[in-house]
Amino acid sequence: MIRKLIISLILNSSLVLSAYAATNLKLNPNLNYSSDSDDGPLIMGDELTDGTVHRGKPAYIIFFQRECYNSKHQAKRTVELYEKYKGQADFIVIDLDAEISKQQAELRDRFYTNYIPHVTIVDRDGQVVYNKSGEIDTARVSDMLDGALKPN
């Protein structure tokens, strides 16, 4: 009886875990890219409060603030990358101007260095392949995500 319960819990938890990560990411159409104005959330979508990094799938994590010129540009790149890699990589969006989940707070405490925007990329084995503040171009991130998708 206990063995069946344990197996059931393991199977059910793995099904729940597969539903995590931000989805349906879209850029806020009201962003003003020429100023540090607060135009609202930079990225919109579903499951934005998730902060779960899963083994077996790369993760792209972005930390930003709404009143940051550079964060707006990195948010645009993030949505472009999401369109290219959705389903292949998890995207975790952490808006530092909004209430964040416990998992997002753990990621903030582990990776964020108090400079924005900040991008972290974790490979499918949970190893950090990139963790820096500042803007990073789409091609460079694509190269890292392509590498993170390959089995070791």
N, C-alpha and C. Protein backbone atom coordinates (compact mmCIF):
# COMPACT_ATOMS: atom_id res chain seq x y z
N MET A 1 0.82 -1.19 0.00
CA MET A 1 0.00 0.00 0.00
C MET A 1 0.87 1.26 0.00
N ILE A 2 1.84 1.30 0.90
CA ILE A 2 2.72 2.48 0.98
C ILE A 2 3.53 2.61 -0.30
N ARG A 3 3.98 1.49 -0.84
CA ARG A 3 4.76 1.53 -2.08
C ARG A 3 3.93 2.12 -3.22
N LYS A 4 2.65 1.73 -3.34
CA LYS A 4 1.77 2.27 -4.38
C LYS A 4 1.57 3.77 -4.18
N LEU A 5 1.44 4.20 -2.93
CA LEU A 5 1.26 5.62 -2.63
C LEU A 5 2.50 6.41 -3.04
N ILE A 6 3.66 5.90 -2.73
CA ILE A 6 4.91 6.59 -3.10
C ILE A 6 5.04 6.68 -4.61
N ILE A 7 4.78 5.59 -5.31
CA ILE A 7 4.86 5.60 -6.77
C ILE A 7 3.86 6.59 -7.35
N SER A 8 2.67 6.61 -6.81
CA SER A 8 1.65 7.54 -7.28
C SER A 8 2.07 9.00 -7.06
N LEU A 9 2.65 9.29 -5.90
CA LEU A 9 3.12 10.65 -5.62
C LEU A 9 4.23 11.06 -6.57
N ILE A 10 5.15 10.15 -6.84
CA ILE A 10 6.25 10.46 -7.77
C ILE A 10 5.71 10.73 -9.16
N LEU A 11 4.83 9.88 -9.64
CA LEU A 11 4.26 10.08 -10.98
C LEU A 11 3.46 11.37 -11.07
N ASN A 12 2.65 11.65 -10.07
CA ASN A 12 1.85 12.87 -10.08
C ASN A 12 2.71 14.11 -9.99
N SER A 13 3.78 14.09 -9.20
CA SER A 13 4.63 15.27 -9.09
C SER A 13 5.37 15.52 -10.38
N SER A 14 5.77 14.46 -11.09
CA SER A 14 6.47 14.67 -12.36
C SER A 14 5.52 15.23 -13.41
N LEU A 15 4.25 14.88 -13.35
CA LEU A 15 3.29 15.45 -14.29
C LEU A 15 3.08 16.93 -14.02
N VAL A 16 3.02 17.31 -12.77
CA VAL A 16 2.84 18.71 -12.41
C VAL A 16 4.06 19.52 -12.82
N LEU A 17 5.25 19.00 -12.59
CA LEU A 17 6.47 19.74 -12.92
C LEU A 17 6.57 20.07 -14.39
N SER A 18 6.05 19.21 -15.24
CA SER A 18 6.18 19.46 -16.67
C SER A 18 5.32 20.64 -17.14
N ALA A 19 4.41 21.12 -16.32
CA ALA A 19 3.53 22.23 -16.70
C ALA A 19 4.13 23.59 -16.36
N TYR A 20 5.29 23.62 -15.72
CA TYR A 20 5.86 24.88 -15.28
C TYR A 20 6.61 25.63 -16.37
N ALA A 21 7.00 26.83 -16.07
CA ALA A 21 7.74 27.78 -16.89
C ALA A 21 6.76 28.76 -17.52
N ALA A 22 7.24 29.96 -17.74
CA ALA A 22 6.39 30.98 -18.35
C ALA A 22 6.03 30.57 -19.77
N THR A 23 4.82 30.87 -20.17
CA THR A 23 4.35 30.52 -21.51
C THR A 23 3.64 31.71 -22.13
N ASN A 24 3.41 31.60 -23.43
CA ASN A 24 2.69 32.63 -24.18
C ASN A 24 3.31 34.02 -23.97
N LEU A 25 4.63 34.09 -23.98
CA LEU A 25 5.29 35.37 -23.73
C LEU A 25 5.05 36.35 -24.87
N LYS A 26 4.70 37.55 -24.49
CA LYS A 26 4.47 38.65 -25.42
C LYS A 26 5.10 39.90 -24.84
N LEU A 27 5.57 40.75 -25.70
CA LEU A 27 6.14 42.02 -25.29
C LEU A 27 5.01 43.02 -25.05
N ASN A 28 5.13 43.80 -24.00
CA ASN A 28 4.16 44.86 -23.74
C ASN A 28 4.20 45.83 -24.93
N PRO A 29 3.09 46.02 -25.65
CA PRO A 29 3.10 46.87 -26.85
C PRO A 29 3.26 48.36 -26.53
N ASN A 30 3.16 48.74 -25.26
CA ASN A 30 3.26 50.15 -24.87
C ASN A 30 4.65 50.58 -24.44
N LEU A 31 5.66 49.74 -24.65
CA LEU A 31 7.00 50.09 -24.19
C LEU A 31 7.58 51.25 -24.99
N ASN A 32 8.17 52.19 -24.26
CA ASN A 32 8.89 53.31 -24.87
C ASN A 32 10.37 52.97 -24.78
N TYR A 33 10.96 52.63 -25.92
CA TYR A 33 12.36 52.18 -25.93
C TYR A 33 13.38 53.31 -25.87
N SER A 34 12.91 54.54 -25.81
CA SER A 34 13.84 55.67 -25.79
C SER A 34 13.97 56.31 -24.41
N SER A 35 13.34 55.72 -23.39
CA SER A 35 13.43 56.32 -22.06
C SER A 35 13.36 55.26 -20.97
N ASP A 36 13.63 55.71 -19.76
CA ASP A 36 13.52 54.85 -18.58
C ASP A 36 12.14 54.98 -17.93
N SER A 37 11.12 55.26 -18.74
CA SER A 37 9.77 55.43 -18.21
C SER A 37 9.20 54.09 -17.74
N ASP A 38 8.28 54.16 -16.78
CA ASP A 38 7.59 52.95 -16.32
C ASP A 38 6.38 52.75 -17.22
N ASP A 39 6.48 51.80 -18.13
CA ASP A 39 5.41 51.54 -19.08
C ASP A 39 4.62 50.29 -18.69
N GLY A 40 4.79 49.83 -17.47
CA GLY A 40 4.13 48.61 -17.02
C GLY A 40 5.05 47.42 -17.20
N PRO A 41 4.51 46.22 -17.02
CA PRO A 41 5.34 45.02 -17.16
C PRO A 41 5.96 44.97 -18.56
N LEU A 42 7.21 44.57 -18.63
CA LEU A 42 7.89 44.52 -19.93
C LEU A 42 7.43 43.31 -20.74
N ILE A 43 7.25 42.19 -20.04
CA ILE A 43 6.86 40.94 -20.69
C ILE A 43 5.56 40.47 -20.05
N MET A 44 4.63 40.05 -20.90
CA MET A 44 3.36 39.53 -20.42
C MET A 44 3.22 38.08 -20.88
N GLY A 45 2.39 37.32 -20.17
CA GLY A 45 2.18 35.93 -20.55
C GLY A 45 1.55 35.16 -19.42
N ASP A 46 1.64 33.85 -19.51
CA ASP A 46 1.08 32.96 -18.51
C ASP A 46 2.20 32.34 -17.68
N GLU A 47 1.86 31.93 -16.47
CA GLU A 47 2.81 31.26 -15.55
C GLU A 47 4.05 32.13 -15.28
N LEU A 48 3.87 33.43 -15.24
CA LEU A 48 5.02 34.33 -15.05
C LEU A 48 5.62 34.26 -13.66
N THR A 49 4.89 33.72 -12.69
CA THR A 49 5.45 33.62 -11.34
C THR A 49 6.22 32.33 -11.11
N ASP A 50 6.28 31.47 -12.11
CA ASP A 50 7.03 30.22 -11.93
C ASP A 50 8.53 30.50 -11.94
N GLY A 51 9.23 29.78 -11.11
CA GLY A 51 10.68 29.92 -11.04
C GLY A 51 11.37 28.57 -10.95
N THR A 52 10.74 27.55 -11.49
CA THR A 52 11.27 26.20 -11.40
C THR A 52 12.25 25.93 -12.54
N VAL A 53 13.47 25.52 -12.19
CA VAL A 53 14.46 25.10 -13.18
C VAL A 53 14.44 23.58 -13.20
N HIS A 54 14.15 23.00 -14.35
CA HIS A 54 14.03 21.55 -14.48
C HIS A 54 15.28 20.94 -15.08
N ARG A 55 15.67 19.81 -14.57
CA ARG A 55 16.75 19.05 -15.20
C ARG A 55 16.18 18.44 -16.49
N GLY A 56 17.04 18.33 -17.48
CA GLY A 56 16.61 17.75 -18.75
C GLY A 56 16.17 18.78 -19.77
N LYS A 57 16.10 20.06 -19.34
CA LYS A 57 15.68 21.13 -20.24
C LYS A 57 16.45 22.39 -19.88
N PRO A 58 17.05 23.07 -20.85
CA PRO A 58 17.74 24.32 -20.53
C PRO A 58 16.76 25.37 -20.03
N ALA A 59 17.28 26.33 -19.28
CA ALA A 59 16.46 27.43 -18.78
C ALA A 59 17.12 28.76 -19.09
N TYR A 60 16.32 29.70 -19.53
CA TYR A 60 16.74 31.08 -19.75
C TYR A 60 16.01 31.90 -18.68
N ILE A 61 16.77 32.60 -17.86
CA ILE A 61 16.20 33.38 -16.77
C ILE A 61 16.57 34.85 -16.99
N ILE A 62 15.58 35.72 -16.95
CA ILE A 62 15.85 37.15 -17.06
C ILE A 62 15.32 37.87 -15.83
N PHE A 63 16.16 38.75 -15.27
CA PHE A 63 15.78 39.63 -14.16
C PHE A 63 15.76 41.04 -14.75
N PHE A 64 14.70 41.79 -14.48
CA PHE A 64 14.63 43.15 -15.00
C PHE A 64 13.80 44.03 -14.09
N GLN A 65 13.89 45.34 -14.36
CA GLN A 65 13.02 46.32 -13.72
C GLN A 65 12.35 47.12 -14.81
N ARG A 66 11.16 47.59 -14.51
CA ARG A 66 10.33 48.24 -15.52
C ARG A 66 10.87 49.58 -16.00
N GLU A 67 11.53 50.31 -15.16
CA GLU A 67 12.02 51.64 -15.52
C GLU A 67 13.48 51.58 -15.96
N CYS A 68 13.80 50.66 -16.83
CA CYS A 68 15.18 50.49 -17.29
C CYS A 68 15.21 50.37 -18.81
N TYR A 69 15.86 51.32 -19.43
CA TYR A 69 16.02 51.36 -20.89
C TYR A 69 16.61 50.05 -21.39
N ASN A 70 17.69 49.57 -20.76
CA ASN A 70 18.36 48.34 -21.20
C ASN A 70 17.49 47.11 -20.96
N SER A 71 16.73 47.09 -19.87
CA SER A 71 15.84 45.96 -19.61
C SER A 71 14.77 45.84 -20.69
N LYS A 72 14.28 46.98 -21.19
CA LYS A 72 13.28 46.94 -22.25
C LYS A 72 13.84 46.28 -23.51
N HIS A 73 15.06 46.61 -23.85
CA HIS A 73 15.68 46.02 -25.03
C HIS A 73 15.95 44.53 -24.83
N GLN A 74 16.38 44.14 -23.62
CA GLN A 74 16.62 42.73 -23.36
C GLN A 74 15.31 41.96 -23.30
N ALA A 75 14.24 42.60 -22.85
CA ALA A 75 12.92 41.95 -22.85
C ALA A 75 12.49 41.64 -24.28
N LYS A 76 12.75 42.56 -25.20
CA LYS A 76 12.42 42.32 -26.61
C LYS A 76 13.18 41.11 -27.13
N ARG A 77 14.46 41.02 -26.81
CA ARG A 77 15.26 39.86 -27.23
C ARG A 77 14.73 38.58 -26.59
N THR A 78 14.31 38.68 -25.34
CA THR A 78 13.80 37.51 -24.62
C THR A 78 12.57 36.93 -25.32
N VAL A 79 11.66 37.79 -25.74
CA VAL A 79 10.45 37.32 -26.42
C VAL A 79 10.81 36.72 -27.78
N GLU A 80 11.77 37.31 -28.47
CA GLU A 80 12.24 36.73 -29.74
C GLU A 80 12.82 35.33 -29.51
N LEU A 81 13.62 35.19 -28.47
CA LEU A 81 14.20 33.89 -28.14
C LEU A 81 13.13 32.89 -27.72
N TYR A 82 12.14 33.36 -26.98
CA TYR A 82 11.04 32.49 -26.58
C TYR A 82 10.34 31.91 -27.82
N GLU A 83 10.09 32.75 -28.80
CA GLU A 83 9.43 32.28 -30.03
C GLU A 83 10.26 31.21 -30.72
N LYS A 84 11.56 31.35 -30.69
CA LYS A 84 12.45 30.38 -31.34
C LYS A 84 12.57 29.08 -30.53
N TYR A 85 12.59 29.17 -29.20
CA TYR A 85 12.90 28.01 -28.35
C TYR A 85 11.74 27.50 -27.50
N LYS A 86 10.53 28.02 -27.71
CA LYS A 86 9.42 27.56 -26.86
C LYS A 86 9.24 26.06 -27.04
N GLY A 87 9.04 25.41 -25.90
CA GLY A 87 8.92 23.96 -25.88
C GLY A 87 10.25 23.25 -25.74
N GLN A 88 11.34 23.92 -26.11
CA GLN A 88 12.67 23.32 -26.01
C GLN A 88 13.42 23.78 -24.77
N ALA A 89 13.14 24.99 -24.34
CA ALA A 89 13.80 25.58 -23.17
C ALA A 89 12.75 26.25 -22.29
N ASP A 90 12.99 26.25 -20.99
CA ASP A 90 12.12 26.96 -20.06
C ASP A 90 12.52 28.42 -20.01
N PHE A 91 11.54 29.30 -19.97
CA PHE A 91 11.80 30.73 -19.83
C PHE A 91 11.23 31.18 -18.50
N ILE A 92 12.09 31.77 -17.70
CA ILE A 92 11.70 32.25 -16.38
C ILE A 92 11.89 33.76 -16.38
N VAL A 93 10.81 34.47 -16.14
CA VAL A 93 10.77 35.93 -16.21
C VAL A 93 10.60 36.46 -14.80
N ILE A 94 11.58 37.26 -14.34
CA ILE A 94 11.51 37.79 -12.98
C ILE A 94 11.50 39.31 -13.04
N ASP A 95 10.30 39.85 -12.86
CA ASP A 95 10.07 41.29 -12.83
C ASP A 95 10.34 41.76 -11.40
N LEU A 96 11.45 42.42 -11.19
CA LEU A 96 11.85 42.82 -9.84
C LEU A 96 10.99 43.95 -9.27
N ASP A 97 10.09 44.50 -10.08
CA ASP A 97 9.17 45.52 -9.60
C ASP A 97 7.82 44.93 -9.20
N ALA A 98 7.67 43.63 -9.33
CA ALA A 98 6.41 42.96 -8.99
C ALA A 98 6.68 41.97 -7.86
N GLU A 99 5.60 41.50 -7.26
CA GLU A 99 5.73 40.46 -6.24
C GLU A 99 6.22 39.19 -6.93
N ILE A 100 7.23 38.55 -6.34
CA ILE A 100 7.77 37.34 -6.95
C ILE A 100 7.50 36.13 -6.06
N SER A 101 7.51 34.97 -6.69
CA SER A 101 7.23 33.72 -5.98
C SER A 101 8.46 33.29 -5.16
N LYS A 102 8.25 32.31 -4.32
CA LYS A 102 9.34 31.76 -3.51
C LYS A 102 10.46 31.22 -4.40
N GLN A 103 10.09 30.49 -5.47
CA GLN A 103 11.10 29.94 -6.38
C GLN A 103 11.86 31.06 -7.09
N GLN A 104 11.16 32.11 -7.48
CA GLN A 104 11.83 33.24 -8.13
C GLN A 104 12.76 33.94 -7.15
N ALA A 105 12.35 34.07 -5.90
CA ALA A 105 13.20 34.69 -4.87
C ALA A 105 14.48 33.87 -4.67
N GLU A 106 14.35 32.56 -4.72
CA GLU A 106 15.54 31.70 -4.60
C GLU A 106 16.49 31.91 -5.76
N LEU A 107 15.94 32.04 -6.98
CA LEU A 107 16.78 32.32 -8.15
C LEU A 107 17.42 33.70 -8.04
N ARG A 108 16.66 34.67 -7.57
CA ARG A 108 17.20 36.02 -7.38
C ARG A 108 18.38 35.99 -6.41
N ASP A 109 18.20 35.29 -5.30
CA ASP A 109 19.25 35.23 -4.29
C ASP A 109 20.47 34.46 -4.79
N ARG A 110 20.27 33.52 -5.67
CA ARG A 110 21.37 32.70 -6.18
C ARG A 110 22.14 33.38 -7.31
N PHE A 111 21.42 34.05 -8.23
CA PHE A 111 22.07 34.54 -9.45
C PHE A 111 22.17 36.05 -9.60
N TYR A 112 21.19 36.78 -9.15
CA TYR A 112 21.10 38.22 -9.42
C TYR A 112 22.17 38.99 -8.67
N THR A 113 22.84 39.91 -9.37
CA THR A 113 23.96 40.67 -8.79
C THR A 113 23.65 42.15 -8.59
N ASN A 114 22.37 42.51 -8.55
CA ASN A 114 21.91 43.89 -8.32
C ASN A 114 22.15 44.83 -9.49
N TYR A 115 22.37 44.30 -10.67
CA TYR A 115 22.47 45.10 -11.89
C TYR A 115 21.50 44.53 -12.90
N ILE A 116 20.85 45.41 -13.65
CA ILE A 116 19.84 44.97 -14.61
C ILE A 116 20.17 45.46 -16.01
N PRO A 117 19.67 44.78 -17.02
CA PRO A 117 19.06 43.45 -16.96
C PRO A 117 20.11 42.40 -16.61
N HIS A 118 19.66 41.29 -16.11
CA HIS A 118 20.55 40.20 -15.74
C HIS A 118 19.99 38.93 -16.36
N VAL A 119 20.84 38.19 -17.06
CA VAL A 119 20.42 36.96 -17.73
C VAL A 119 21.25 35.80 -17.20
N THR A 120 20.56 34.70 -16.92
CA THR A 120 21.21 33.46 -16.51
C THR A 120 20.71 32.37 -17.44
N ILE A 121 21.63 31.54 -17.91
CA ILE A 121 21.27 30.39 -18.73
C ILE A 121 21.80 29.14 -18.04
N VAL A 122 20.92 28.17 -17.86
CA VAL A 122 21.26 26.91 -17.21
C VAL A 122 21.07 25.80 -18.24
N ASP A 123 22.05 24.91 -18.36
CA ASP A 123 21.92 23.83 -19.35
C ASP A 123 21.00 22.73 -18.85
N ARG A 124 20.81 21.72 -19.65
CA ARG A 124 19.86 20.65 -19.33
C ARG A 124 20.28 19.81 -18.13
N ASP A 125 21.56 19.91 -17.72
CA ASP A 125 22.05 19.19 -16.55
C ASP A 125 22.06 20.04 -15.29
N GLY A 126 21.57 21.28 -15.40
CA GLY A 126 21.51 22.16 -14.25
C GLY A 126 22.77 22.99 -14.04
N GLN A 127 23.69 22.94 -14.99
CA GLN A 127 24.92 23.71 -14.89
C GLN A 127 24.74 25.11 -15.49
N VAL A 128 25.25 26.11 -14.80
CA VAL A 128 25.15 27.49 -15.28
C VAL A 128 26.16 27.69 -16.41
N VAL A 129 25.67 28.11 -17.57
CA VAL A 129 26.56 28.37 -18.71
C VAL A 129 26.73 29.87 -18.96
N TYR A 130 25.86 30.68 -18.36
CA TYR A 130 25.98 32.14 -18.49
C TYR A 130 25.27 32.76 -17.31
N ASN A 131 25.88 33.77 -16.71
CA ASN A 131 25.27 34.46 -15.56
C ASN A 131 25.89 35.84 -15.44
N LYS A 132 25.33 36.81 -16.19
CA LYS A 132 25.89 38.15 -16.20
C LYS A 132 24.82 39.21 -16.33
N SER A 133 25.16 40.40 -15.88
CA SER A 133 24.29 41.56 -16.03
C SER A 133 24.65 42.30 -17.31
N GLY A 134 23.69 43.05 -17.81
CA GLY A 134 23.89 43.82 -19.02
C GLY A 134 23.17 43.16 -20.18
N GLU A 135 23.06 43.91 -21.27
CA GLU A 135 22.39 43.36 -22.45
C GLU A 135 23.28 42.31 -23.11
N ILE A 136 22.64 41.32 -23.69
CA ILE A 136 23.34 40.29 -24.45
C ILE A 136 22.54 40.06 -25.73
N ASP A 137 23.24 40.00 -26.87
CA ASP A 137 22.52 39.91 -28.13
C ASP A 137 21.91 38.53 -28.35
N THR A 138 20.90 38.51 -29.19
CA THR A 138 20.11 37.31 -29.45
C THR A 138 20.96 36.19 -30.03
N ALA A 139 21.87 36.51 -30.94
CA ALA A 139 22.69 35.47 -31.57
C ALA A 139 23.57 34.76 -30.55
N ARG A 140 24.13 35.50 -29.62
CA ARG A 140 24.99 34.89 -28.61
C ARG A 140 24.17 33.96 -27.69
N VAL A 141 23.00 34.42 -27.28
CA VAL A 141 22.14 33.57 -26.44
C VAL A 141 21.70 32.34 -27.23
N SER A 142 21.36 32.51 -28.50
CA SER A 142 20.97 31.37 -29.34
C SER A 142 22.07 30.32 -29.38
N ASP A 143 23.31 30.77 -29.54
CA ASP A 143 24.44 29.83 -29.55
C ASP A 143 24.51 29.05 -28.24
N MET A 144 24.32 29.76 -27.11
CA MET A 144 24.38 29.08 -25.82
C MET A 144 23.21 28.12 -25.63
N LEU A 145 22.01 28.53 -26.04
CA LEU A 145 20.85 27.65 -25.91
C LEU A 145 20.99 26.43 -26.83
N ASP A 146 21.50 26.64 -28.02
CA ASP A 146 21.74 25.50 -28.93
C ASP A 146 22.70 24.51 -28.28
N GLY A 147 23.77 25.02 -27.68
CA GLY A 147 24.71 24.16 -26.98
C GLY A 147 24.10 23.47 -25.78
N ALA A 148 23.24 24.18 -25.08
CA ALA A 148 22.60 23.62 -23.88
C ALA A 148 21.58 22.55 -24.23
N LEU A 149 21.08 22.58 -25.45
CA LEU A 149 20.10 21.58 -25.88
C LEU A 149 20.75 20.25 -26.26
N LYS A 150 22.04 20.29 -26.59
CA LYS A 150 22.73 19.07 -27.00
C LYS A 150 23.02 18.19 -25.80
N PRO A 151 22.81 16.89 -25.95
CA PRO A 151 23.15 15.98 -24.84
C PRO A 151 24.66 15.94 -24.63
N ASN A 152 25.05 15.82 -23.38
CA ASN A 152 26.50 15.76 -23.09
C ASN A 152 27.06 14.40 -23.37
